[in-house]
PDB file of all heavy atoms in Angstrom:
ATOM      1  N   SER A   1     -11.532  -9.653  25.007  1.00  0.00           N
ATOM      2  CA  SER A   1     -12.808  -9.440  24.231  1.00  0.00           C
ATOM      3  C   SER A   1     -12.645  -9.776  22.800  1.00  0.00           C
ATOM      4  O   SER A   1     -11.425  -9.452  22.275  1.00  0.00           O
ATOM      5  CB  SER A   1     -13.427  -8.132  24.472  1.00  0.00           C
ATOM      6  OG  SER A   1     -12.703  -7.094  23.733  1.00  0.00           O
ATOM      7  N   PRO A   2     -13.570 -10.223  22.000  1.00  0.00           N
ATOM      8  CA  PRO A   2     -13.370 -10.418  20.569  1.00  0.00           C
ATOM      9  C   PRO A   2     -13.060  -9.037  20.007  1.00  0.00           C
ATOM     10  O   PRO A   2     -12.356  -8.965  18.913  1.00  0.00           O
ATOM     11  CB  PRO A   2     -14.743 -11.038  20.177  1.00  0.00           C
ATOM     12  CG  PRO A   2     -15.668 -10.788  21.253  1.00  0.00           C
ATOM     13  CD  PRO A   2     -14.909 -10.702  22.480  1.00  0.00           C
ATOM     14  N   GLU A   3     -13.731  -7.956  20.389  1.00  0.00           N
ATOM     15  CA  GLU A   3     -13.505  -6.642  19.747  1.00  0.00           C
ATOM     16  C   GLU A   3     -12.000  -6.198  19.810  1.00  0.00           C
ATOM     17  O   GLU A   3     -11.446  -5.815  18.953  1.00  0.00           O
ATOM     18  CB  GLU A   3     -14.379  -5.536  20.380  1.00  0.00           C
ATOM     19  CG  GLU A   3     -15.872  -5.729  20.134  1.00  0.00           C
ATOM     20  CD  GLU A   3     -16.517  -6.640  21.098  1.00  0.00           C
ATOM     21  OE1 GLU A   3     -15.803  -7.257  22.046  1.00  0.00           O
ATOM     22  OE2 GLU A   3     -17.676  -6.906  21.054  1.00  0.00           O
ATOM     23  N   ALA A   4     -11.539  -6.476  21.032  1.00  0.00           N
ATOM     24  CA  ALA A   4      -9.948  -6.110  21.183  1.00  0.00           C
ATOM     25  C   ALA A   4      -9.171  -7.028  20.342  1.00  0.00           C
ATOM     26  O   ALA A   4      -8.155  -6.512  19.745  1.00  0.00           O
ATOM     27  CB  ALA A   4      -9.642  -6.173  22.610  1.00  0.00           C
ATOM     28  N   PHE A   5      -9.431  -8.307  20.263  1.00  0.00           N
ATOM     29  CA  PHE A   5      -8.588  -9.179  19.430  1.00  0.00           C
ATOM     30  C   PHE A   5      -8.767  -8.787  17.947  1.00  0.00           C
ATOM     31  O   PHE A   5      -7.669  -8.856  17.288  1.00  0.00           O
ATOM     32  CB  PHE A   5      -9.089 -10.627  19.623  1.00  0.00           C
ATOM     33  CG  PHE A   5      -8.531 -11.594  18.716  1.00  0.00           C
ATOM     34  CD1 PHE A   5      -7.140 -12.113  18.945  1.00  0.00           C
ATOM     35  CD2 PHE A   5      -9.233 -11.878  17.592  1.00  0.00           C
ATOM     36  CE1 PHE A   5      -6.704 -12.991  17.988  1.00  0.00           C
ATOM     37  CE2 PHE A   5      -8.653 -12.963  16.695  1.00  0.00           C
ATOM     38  CZ  PHE A   5      -7.395 -13.337  16.806  1.00  0.00           C
ATOM     39  N   LEU A   6      -9.912  -8.623  17.541  1.00  0.00           N
ATOM     40  CA  LEU A   6     -10.137  -8.240  16.045  1.00  0.00           C
ATOM     41  C   LEU A   6      -9.429  -7.046  15.672  1.00  0.00           C
ATOM     42  O   LEU A   6      -8.824  -6.940  14.498  1.00  0.00           O
ATOM     43  CB  LEU A   6     -11.609  -8.288  15.742  1.00  0.00           C
ATOM     44  CG  LEU A   6     -12.269  -9.533  15.865  1.00  0.00           C
ATOM     45  CD1 LEU A   6     -13.890  -9.481  15.793  1.00  0.00           C
ATOM     46  CD2 LEU A   6     -11.915 -10.497  14.603  1.00  0.00           C
ATOM     47  N   ALA A   7      -9.490  -6.025  16.560  1.00  0.00           N
ATOM     48  CA  ALA A   7      -8.764  -4.800  16.246  1.00  0.00           C
ATOM     49  C   ALA A   7      -7.395  -4.950  16.152  1.00  0.00           C
ATOM     50  O   ALA A   7      -6.606  -4.390  15.276  1.00  0.00           O
ATOM     51  CB  ALA A   7      -9.198  -3.755  17.332  1.00  0.00           C
ATOM     52  N   ARG A   8      -6.726  -5.732  17.139  1.00  0.00           N
ATOM     53  CA  ARG A   8      -5.283  -5.946  17.123  1.00  0.00           C
ATOM     54  C   ARG A   8      -4.855  -6.772  15.907  1.00  0.00           C
ATOM     55  O   ARG A   8      -3.893  -6.646  15.252  1.00  0.00           O
ATOM     56  CB  ARG A   8      -4.938  -6.737  18.471  1.00  0.00           C
ATOM     57  CG  ARG A   8      -3.501  -7.018  18.620  1.00  0.00           C
ATOM     58  CD  ARG A   8      -3.210  -7.426  19.995  1.00  0.00           C
ATOM     59  NE  ARG A   8      -4.042  -8.414  20.614  1.00  0.00           N
ATOM     60  CZ  ARG A   8      -3.928  -9.615  20.426  1.00  0.00           C
ATOM     61  NH1 ARG A   8      -2.957 -10.138  19.680  1.00  0.00           N
ATOM     62  NH2 ARG A   8      -4.900 -10.499  20.917  1.00  0.00           N
ATOM     63  N   ARG A   9      -5.706  -7.744  15.648  1.00  0.00           N
ATOM     64  CA  ARG A   9      -5.348  -8.712  14.442  1.00  0.00           C
ATOM     65  C   ARG A   9      -5.472  -7.822  13.175  1.00  0.00           C
ATOM     66  O   ARG A   9      -4.587  -7.998  12.315  1.00  0.00           O
ATOM     67  CB  ARG A   9      -6.506  -9.781  14.342  1.00  0.00           C
ATOM     68  CG  ARG A   9      -6.149 -10.824  13.328  1.00  0.00           C
ATOM     69  CD  ARG A   9      -7.325 -11.765  13.044  1.00  0.00           C
ATOM     70  NE  ARG A   9      -8.576 -11.148  12.521  1.00  0.00           N
ATOM     71  CZ  ARG A   9      -9.587 -11.845  12.178  1.00  0.00           C
ATOM     72  NH1 ARG A   9      -9.664 -13.116  12.400  1.00  0.00           N
ATOM     73  NH2 ARG A   9     -10.723 -11.183  11.677  1.00  0.00           N
ATOM     74  N   GLU A  10      -6.540  -7.006  13.004  1.00  0.00           N
ATOM     75  CA  GLU A  10      -6.467  -6.272  11.801  1.00  0.00           C
ATOM     76  C   GLU A  10      -5.274  -5.201  11.644  1.00  0.00           C
ATOM     77  O   GLU A  10      -4.791  -5.082  10.558  1.00  0.00           O
ATOM     78  CB  GLU A  10      -7.821  -5.538  11.652  1.00  0.00           C
ATOM     79  CG  GLU A  10      -9.085  -6.389  11.598  1.00  0.00           C
ATOM     80  CD  GLU A  10      -8.923  -7.425  10.489  1.00  0.00           C
ATOM     81  OE1 GLU A  10      -8.525  -7.175   9.371  1.00  0.00           O
ATOM     82  OE2 GLU A  10      -9.139  -8.693  10.758  1.00  0.00           O
ATOM     83  N   GLU A  11      -4.901  -4.592  12.698  1.00  0.00           N
ATOM     84  CA  GLU A  11      -3.866  -3.605  12.729  1.00  0.00           C
ATOM     85  C   GLU A  11      -2.474  -4.470  12.360  1.00  0.00           C
ATOM     86  O   GLU A  11      -1.807  -3.966  11.495  1.00  0.00           O
ATOM     87  CB  GLU A  11      -3.646  -3.061  14.035  1.00  0.00           C
ATOM     88  CG  GLU A  11      -2.564  -2.039  14.098  1.00  0.00           C
ATOM     89  CD  GLU A  11      -2.467  -1.427  15.586  1.00  0.00           C
ATOM     90  OE1 GLU A  11      -3.221  -1.705  16.409  1.00  0.00           O
ATOM     91  OE2 GLU A  11      -1.481  -0.626  15.788  1.00  0.00           O
ATOM     92  N   THR A  12      -2.177  -5.614  12.868  1.00  0.00           N
ATOM     93  CA  THR A  12      -0.989  -6.233  12.737  1.00  0.00           C
ATOM     94  C   THR A  12      -0.932  -6.896  11.199  1.00  0.00           C
ATOM     95  O   THR A  12      -0.082  -6.885  10.589  1.00  0.00           O
ATOM     96  CB  THR A  12      -0.774  -7.392  13.750  1.00  0.00           C
ATOM     97  OG1 THR A  12      -1.852  -8.212  13.839  1.00  0.00           O
ATOM     98  CG2 THR A  12      -0.532  -6.678  15.090  1.00  0.00           C
ATOM     99  N   ALA A  13      -2.093  -7.262  10.766  1.00  0.00           N
ATOM    100  CA  ALA A  13      -2.266  -7.917   9.523  1.00  0.00           C
ATOM    101  C   ALA A  13      -1.970  -6.772   8.431  1.00  0.00           C
ATOM    102  O   ALA A  13      -1.257  -6.902   7.374  1.00  0.00           O
ATOM    103  CB  ALA A  13      -3.512  -8.504   9.258  1.00  0.00           C
ATOM    104  N   ALA A  14      -2.471  -5.566   8.662  1.00  0.00           N
ATOM    105  CA  ALA A  14      -2.238  -4.546   7.700  1.00  0.00           C
ATOM    106  C   ALA A  14      -0.754  -4.067   7.678  1.00  0.00           C
ATOM    107  O   ALA A  14      -0.178  -3.890   6.498  1.00  0.00           O
ATOM    108  CB  ALA A  14      -3.025  -3.259   8.183  1.00  0.00           C
ATOM    109  N   LEU A  15      -0.125  -4.182   8.708  1.00  0.00           N
ATOM    110  CA  LEU A  15       1.370  -3.797   8.813  1.00  0.00           C
ATOM    111  C   LEU A  15       2.125  -4.851   7.939  1.00  0.00           C
ATOM    112  O   LEU A  15       2.981  -4.495   7.241  1.00  0.00           O
ATOM    113  CB  LEU A  15       1.783  -3.953  10.255  1.00  0.00           C
ATOM    114  CG  LEU A  15       1.362  -2.651  11.173  1.00  0.00           C
ATOM    115  CD1 LEU A  15       1.818  -2.991  12.601  1.00  0.00           C
ATOM    116  CD2 LEU A  15       2.060  -1.495  10.568  1.00  0.00           C
ATOM    117  N   LEU A  16       1.775  -6.115   8.158  1.00  0.00           N
ATOM    118  CA  LEU A  16       2.521  -7.170   7.469  1.00  0.00           C
ATOM    119  C   LEU A  16       2.235  -7.072   5.906  1.00  0.00           C
ATOM    120  O   LEU A  16       3.153  -7.239   5.128  1.00  0.00           O
ATOM    121  CB  LEU A  16       2.100  -8.521   7.991  1.00  0.00           C
ATOM    122  CG  LEU A  16       2.741  -9.699   7.364  1.00  0.00           C
ATOM    123  CD1 LEU A  16       4.251  -9.641   7.516  1.00  0.00           C
ATOM    124  CD2 LEU A  16       2.213 -11.067   8.035  1.00  0.00           C
ATOM    125  N   ARG A  17       0.982  -6.869   5.589  1.00  0.00           N
ATOM    126  CA  ARG A  17       0.628  -6.828   4.193  1.00  0.00           C
ATOM    127  C   ARG A  17       1.351  -5.713   3.554  1.00  0.00           C
ATOM    128  O   ARG A  17       1.602  -5.801   2.248  1.00  0.00           O
ATOM    129  CB  ARG A  17      -0.943  -6.772   4.003  1.00  0.00           C
ATOM    130  CG  ARG A  17      -1.538  -8.114   4.170  1.00  0.00           C
ATOM    131  CD  ARG A  17      -3.071  -7.993   4.200  1.00  0.00           C
ATOM    132  NE  ARG A  17      -3.815  -9.221   3.846  1.00  0.00           N
ATOM    133  CZ  ARG A  17      -4.913  -9.650   4.356  1.00  0.00           C
ATOM    134  NH1 ARG A  17      -5.688  -8.809   5.136  1.00  0.00           N
ATOM    135  NH2 ARG A  17      -5.407 -10.822   4.029  1.00  0.00           N
ATOM    136  N   GLN A  18       1.615  -4.723   4.200  1.00  0.00           N
ATOM    137  CA  GLN A  18       2.308  -3.554   3.579  1.00  0.00           C
ATOM    138  C   GLN A  18       3.728  -3.684   3.365  1.00  0.00           C
ATOM    139  O   GLN A  18       4.411  -3.194   2.421  1.00  0.00           O
ATOM    140  CB  GLN A  18       2.199  -2.266   4.547  1.00  0.00           C
ATOM    141  CG  GLN A  18       0.830  -1.630   4.596  1.00  0.00           C
ATOM    142  CD  GLN A  18       0.772  -0.601   5.659  1.00  0.00           C
ATOM    143  OE1 GLN A  18       1.653  -0.216   6.328  1.00  0.00           O
ATOM    144  NE2 GLN A  18      -0.392  -0.082   5.843  1.00  0.00           N
ATOM    145  N   LYS A  19       4.367  -4.735   4.060  1.00  0.00           N
ATOM    146  CA  LYS A  19       5.793  -5.062   3.914  1.00  0.00           C
ATOM    147  C   LYS A  19       6.166  -6.219   3.197  1.00  0.00           C
ATOM    148  O   LYS A  19       7.356  -6.413   2.804  1.00  0.00           O
ATOM    149  CB  LYS A  19       6.289  -5.138   5.323  1.00  0.00           C
ATOM    150  CG  LYS A  19       6.391  -3.939   6.260  1.00  0.00           C
ATOM    151  CD  LYS A  19       7.404  -2.949   5.548  1.00  0.00           C
ATOM    152  CE  LYS A  19       7.432  -1.601   6.362  1.00  0.00           C
ATOM    153  NZ  LYS A  19       8.310  -0.538   5.792  1.00  0.00           N
ATOM    154  N   ILE A  20       5.202  -7.156   2.888  1.00  0.00           N
ATOM    155  CA  ILE A  20       5.668  -8.314   2.185  1.00  0.00           C
ATOM    156  C   ILE A  20       5.547  -8.048   0.622  1.00  0.00           C
ATOM    157  O   ILE A  20       4.816  -7.316   0.188  1.00  0.00           O
ATOM    158  CB  ILE A  20       4.728  -9.539   2.471  1.00  0.00           C
ATOM    159  CG1 ILE A  20       3.309  -9.290   2.231  1.00  0.00           C
ATOM    160  CG2 ILE A  20       4.947  -9.848   3.917  1.00  0.00           C
ATOM    161  CD1 ILE A  20       2.357 -10.425   2.570  1.00  0.00           C
ATOM    162  N   PRO A  21       6.407  -8.717  -0.162  1.00  0.00           N
ATOM    163  CA  PRO A  21       6.431  -8.474  -1.665  1.00  0.00           C
ATOM    164  C   PRO A  21       5.196  -8.936  -2.292  1.00  0.00           C
ATOM    165  O   PRO A  21       4.462  -9.835  -1.724  1.00  0.00           O
ATOM    166  CB  PRO A  21       7.630  -9.205  -2.002  1.00  0.00           C
ATOM    167  CG  PRO A  21       7.843 -10.224  -1.075  1.00  0.00           C
ATOM    168  CD  PRO A  21       7.488  -9.763   0.240  1.00  0.00           C
ATOM    169  N   GLU A  22       4.909  -8.537  -3.527  1.00  0.00           N
ATOM    170  CA  GLU A  22       3.816  -8.859  -4.342  1.00  0.00           C
ATOM    171  C   GLU A  22       3.906 -10.490  -4.597  1.00  0.00           C
ATOM    172  O   GLU A  22       2.705 -11.136  -4.757  1.00  0.00           O
ATOM    173  CB  GLU A  22       3.826  -8.156  -5.605  1.00  0.00           C
ATOM    174  CG  GLU A  22       3.369  -6.742  -5.385  1.00  0.00           C
ATOM    175  CD  GLU A  22       3.298  -6.026  -6.904  1.00  0.00           C
ATOM    176  OE1 GLU A  22       3.258  -6.711  -7.909  1.00  0.00           O
ATOM    177  OE2 GLU A  22       3.091  -4.822  -6.922  1.00  0.00           O
ATOM    178  N   LYS A  23       5.025 -11.083  -4.790  1.00  0.00           N
ATOM    179  CA  LYS A  23       5.047 -12.394  -4.944  1.00  0.00           C
ATOM    180  C   LYS A  23       5.155 -13.298  -3.816  1.00  0.00           C
ATOM    181  O   LYS A  23       5.390 -14.532  -3.940  1.00  0.00           O
ATOM    182  CB  LYS A  23       6.341 -12.641  -5.823  1.00  0.00           C
ATOM    183  CG  LYS A  23       6.448 -12.078  -7.247  1.00  0.00           C
ATOM    184  CD  LYS A  23       7.631 -12.457  -8.040  1.00  0.00           C
ATOM    185  CE  LYS A  23       7.555 -11.847  -9.492  1.00  0.00           C
ATOM    186  NZ  LYS A  23       8.857 -12.272 -10.250  1.00  0.00           N
ATOM    187  N   ALA A  24       4.831 -12.690  -2.682  1.00  0.00           N
ATOM    188  CA  ALA A  24       4.749 -13.512  -1.393  1.00  0.00           C
ATOM    189  C   ALA A  24       3.646 -14.417  -1.500  1.00  0.00           C
ATOM    190  O   ALA A  24       2.618 -14.211  -2.290  1.00  0.00           O
ATOM    191  CB  ALA A  24       4.752 -12.616  -0.266  1.00  0.00           C
ATOM    192  N   PRO A  25       3.550 -15.464  -0.609  1.00  0.00           N
ATOM    193  CA  PRO A  25       2.225 -16.231  -0.703  1.00  0.00           C
ATOM    194  C   PRO A  25       0.998 -15.274  -0.311  1.00  0.00           C
ATOM    195  O   PRO A  25       1.070 -14.337   0.405  1.00  0.00           O
ATOM    196  CB  PRO A  25       2.475 -17.269   0.599  1.00  0.00           C
ATOM    197  CG  PRO A  25       3.954 -17.289   0.608  1.00  0.00           C
ATOM    198  CD  PRO A  25       4.429 -15.964   0.232  1.00  0.00           C
ATOM    199  N   ARG A  26      -0.193 -15.852  -0.912  1.00  0.00           N
ATOM    200  CA  ARG A  26      -1.344 -15.063  -0.582  1.00  0.00           C
ATOM    201  C   ARG A  26      -1.599 -15.120   0.866  1.00  0.00           C
ATOM    202  O   ARG A  26      -1.657 -16.341   1.583  1.00  0.00           O
ATOM    203  CB  ARG A  26      -2.531 -15.676  -1.303  1.00  0.00           C
ATOM    204  CG  ARG A  26      -3.828 -15.066  -1.073  1.00  0.00           C
ATOM    205  CD  ARG A  26      -4.905 -15.743  -1.828  1.00  0.00           C
ATOM    206  NE  ARG A  26      -6.227 -15.217  -1.583  1.00  0.00           N
ATOM    207  CZ  ARG A  26      -7.492 -15.797  -1.989  1.00  0.00           C
ATOM    208  NH1 ARG A  26      -7.436 -16.831  -2.828  1.00  0.00           N
ATOM    209  NH2 ARG A  26      -8.465 -15.163  -1.590  1.00  0.00           N
ATOM    210  N   LEU A  27      -1.850 -14.160   1.714  1.00  0.00           N
ATOM    211  CA  LEU A  27      -2.166 -14.123   3.094  1.00  0.00           C
ATOM    212  C   LEU A  27      -3.586 -13.931   3.327  1.00  0.00           C
ATOM    213  O   LEU A  27      -4.190 -12.982   2.885  1.00  0.00           O
ATOM    214  CB  LEU A  27      -1.374 -12.834   3.651  1.00  0.00           C
ATOM    215  CG  LEU A  27      -1.338 -12.742   5.179  1.00  0.00           C
ATOM    216  CD1 LEU A  27      -0.720 -14.020   5.866  1.00  0.00           C
ATOM    217  CD2 LEU A  27      -0.663 -11.507   5.632  1.00  0.00           C
ATOM    218  N   LEU A  28      -4.075 -14.954   4.140  1.00  0.00           N
ATOM    219  CA  LEU A  28      -5.450 -14.902   4.610  1.00  0.00           C
ATOM    220  C   LEU A  28      -5.425 -14.933   6.116  1.00  0.00           C
ATOM    221  O   LEU A  28      -4.569 -15.418   6.829  1.00  0.00           O
ATOM    222  CB  LEU A  28      -6.237 -16.196   4.123  1.00  0.00           C
ATOM    223  CG  LEU A  28      -6.528 -16.381   2.596  1.00  0.00           C
ATOM    224  CD1 LEU A  28      -7.083 -17.808   2.498  1.00  0.00           C
ATOM    225  CD2 LEU A  28      -7.194 -15.401   2.106  1.00  0.00           C
ATOM    226  N   ILE A  29      -6.478 -14.158   6.721  1.00  0.00           N
ATOM    227  CA  ILE A  29      -6.390 -13.936   8.148  1.00  0.00           C
ATOM    228  C   ILE A  29      -7.551 -14.880   8.804  1.00  0.00           C
ATOM    229  O   ILE A  29      -8.743 -14.820   8.333  1.00  0.00           O
ATOM    230  CB  ILE A  29      -6.649 -12.465   8.434  1.00  0.00           C
ATOM    231  CG1 ILE A  29      -5.692 -11.584   7.580  1.00  0.00           C
ATOM    232  CG2 ILE A  29      -6.550 -12.176   9.847  1.00  0.00           C
ATOM    233  CD1 ILE A  29      -4.239 -11.874   7.821  1.00  0.00           C
ATOM    234  N   GLY A  30      -7.200 -15.448   9.830  1.00  0.00           N
ATOM    235  CA  GLY A  30      -8.159 -16.228  10.635  1.00  0.00           C
ATOM    236  C   GLY A  30      -7.786 -16.142  12.094  1.00  0.00           C
ATOM    237  O   GLY A  30      -7.417 -15.023  12.690  1.00  0.00           O
ATOM    238  N   SER A  31      -7.891 -17.150  12.941  1.00  0.00           N
ATOM    239  CA  SER A  31      -7.555 -17.211  14.191  1.00  0.00           C
ATOM    240  C   SER A  31      -7.340 -18.643  14.675  1.00  0.00           C
ATOM    241  O   SER A  31      -7.812 -19.634  13.943  1.00  0.00           O
ATOM    242  CB  SER A  31      -8.635 -16.516  15.064  1.00  0.00           C
ATOM    243  OG  SER A  31      -9.762 -17.381  15.170  1.00  0.00           O
ATOM    244  N   GLU A  32      -6.627 -18.867  15.793  1.00  0.00           N
ATOM    245  CA  GLU A  32      -6.745 -20.120  16.532  1.00  0.00           C
ATOM    246  C   GLU A  32      -7.590 -19.833  17.766  1.00  0.00           C
ATOM    247  O   GLU A  32      -6.961 -19.275  18.825  1.00  0.00           O
ATOM    248  CB  GLU A  32      -5.343 -20.678  16.848  1.00  0.00           C
ATOM    249  CG  GLU A  32      -5.336 -22.028  17.541  1.00  0.00           C
ATOM    250  CD  GLU A  32      -4.005 -22.573  17.892  1.00  0.00           C
ATOM    251  OE1 GLU A  32      -2.989 -21.809  17.575  1.00  0.00           O
ATOM    252  OE2 GLU A  32      -3.875 -23.614  18.395  1.00  0.00           O
ATOM    253  N   THR A  33      -8.860 -20.163  17.773  1.00  0.00           N
ATOM    254  CA  THR A  33      -9.655 -19.838  18.866  1.00  0.00           C
ATOM    255  C   THR A  33      -9.707 -20.948  19.963  1.00  0.00           C
ATOM    256  O   THR A  33      -9.938 -22.136  19.572  1.00  0.00           O
ATOM    257  CB  THR A  33     -11.052 -19.523  18.332  1.00  0.00           C
ATOM    258  OG1 THR A  33     -11.076 -18.269  17.507  1.00  0.00           O
ATOM    259  CG2 THR A  33     -12.048 -19.251  19.568  1.00  0.00           C
ATOM    260  N   HIS A  34      -9.480 -20.471  21.163  1.00  0.00           N
ATOM    261  CA  HIS A  34      -9.455 -21.508  22.294  1.00  0.00           C
ATOM    262  C   HIS A  34     -10.917 -21.790  22.653  1.00  0.00           C
ATOM    263  O   HIS A  34     -11.760 -20.744  22.911  1.00  0.00           O
ATOM    264  CB  HIS A  34      -8.665 -20.835  23.389  1.00  0.00           C
ATOM    265  CG  HIS A  34      -8.341 -21.834  24.463  1.00  0.00           C
ATOM    266  ND1 HIS A  34      -7.268 -22.704  24.390  1.00  0.00           N
ATOM    267  CD2 HIS A  34      -8.908 -21.903  25.712  1.00  0.00           C
ATOM    268  CE1 HIS A  34      -7.150 -23.444  25.483  1.00  0.00           C
ATOM    269  NE2 HIS A  34      -8.128 -23.006  26.317  1.00  0.00           N
ATOM    270  N   LEU A  35     -11.291 -23.027  22.799  1.00  0.00           N
ATOM    271  CA  LEU A  35     -12.633 -23.407  23.209  1.00  0.00           C
ATOM    272  C   LEU A  35     -12.855 -22.992  24.633  1.00  0.00           C
ATOM    273  O   LEU A  35     -11.951 -23.291  25.589  1.00  0.00           O
ATOM    274  CB  LEU A  35     -12.725 -24.955  23.008  1.00  0.00           C
ATOM    275  CG  LEU A  35     -14.095 -25.444  23.434  1.00  0.00           C
ATOM    276  CD1 LEU A  35     -15.256 -24.975  22.624  1.00  0.00           C
ATOM    277  CD2 LEU A  35     -14.076 -27.111  23.300  1.00  0.00           C
ATOM    278  N   CYS A  36     -13.930 -22.382  24.859  1.00  0.00           N
ATOM    279  CA  CYS A  36     -14.431 -22.070  26.308  1.00  0.00           C
ATOM    280  C   CYS A  36     -15.900 -22.380  26.225  1.00  0.00           C
ATOM    281  O   CYS A  36     -16.510 -22.227  25.306  1.00  0.00           O
ATOM    282  CB  CYS A  36     -14.106 -20.707  26.762  1.00  0.00           C
ATOM    283  SG  CYS A  36     -14.821 -19.257  25.762  1.00  0.00           S
ATOM    284  N   ARG A  37     -16.291 -22.604  27.472  1.00  0.00           N
ATOM    285  CA  ARG A  37     -17.860 -22.764  27.628  1.00  0.00           C
ATOM    286  C   ARG A  37     -18.637 -21.518  27.251  1.00  0.00           C
ATOM    287  O   ARG A  37     -18.134 -20.398  27.599  1.00  0.00           O
ATOM    288  CB  ARG A  37     -18.208 -23.085  29.066  1.00  0.00           C
ATOM    289  CG  ARG A  37     -17.716 -24.531  29.472  1.00  0.00           C
ATOM    290  CD  ARG A  37     -17.915 -24.787  30.897  1.00  0.00           C
ATOM    291  NE  ARG A  37     -17.270 -25.962  31.387  1.00  0.00           N
ATOM    292  CZ  ARG A  37     -16.031 -26.124  31.856  1.00  0.00           C
ATOM    293  NH1 ARG A  37     -15.265 -25.054  31.881  1.00  0.00           N
ATOM    294  NH2 ARG A  37     -15.653 -27.269  32.178  1.00  0.00           N
ATOM    295  N   GLY A  38     -19.705 -21.651  26.480  1.00  0.00           N
ATOM    296  CA  GLY A  38     -20.472 -20.699  25.952  1.00  0.00           C
ATOM    297  C   GLY A  38     -19.852 -19.876  24.753  1.00  0.00           C
ATOM    298  O   GLY A  38     -20.402 -18.901  24.289  1.00  0.00           O
ATOM    299  N   LEU A  39     -18.942 -20.417  24.058  1.00  0.00           N
ATOM    300  CA  LEU A  39     -18.168 -19.772  22.945  1.00  0.00           C
ATOM    301  C   LEU A  39     -19.341 -19.580  21.771  1.00  0.00           C
ATOM    302  O   LEU A  39     -19.222 -18.643  21.133  1.00  0.00           O
ATOM    303  CB  LEU A  39     -17.056 -20.616  22.447  1.00  0.00           C
ATOM    304  CG  LEU A  39     -16.329 -20.155  21.223  1.00  0.00           C
ATOM    305  CD1 LEU A  39     -15.598 -18.891  21.554  1.00  0.00           C
ATOM    306  CD2 LEU A  39     -15.210 -21.154  20.700  1.00  0.00           C
TER     307      LEU A  39
END
């Protein structure tokens, strides 16, 4: 479900942002969404 994916994405993104240095590349969050009928 999109809800489950978004929750997992936000959790993992927060973990990574806490660990990378300030001079790291700017991190933006998106997705690679698989096309399905009715998307």
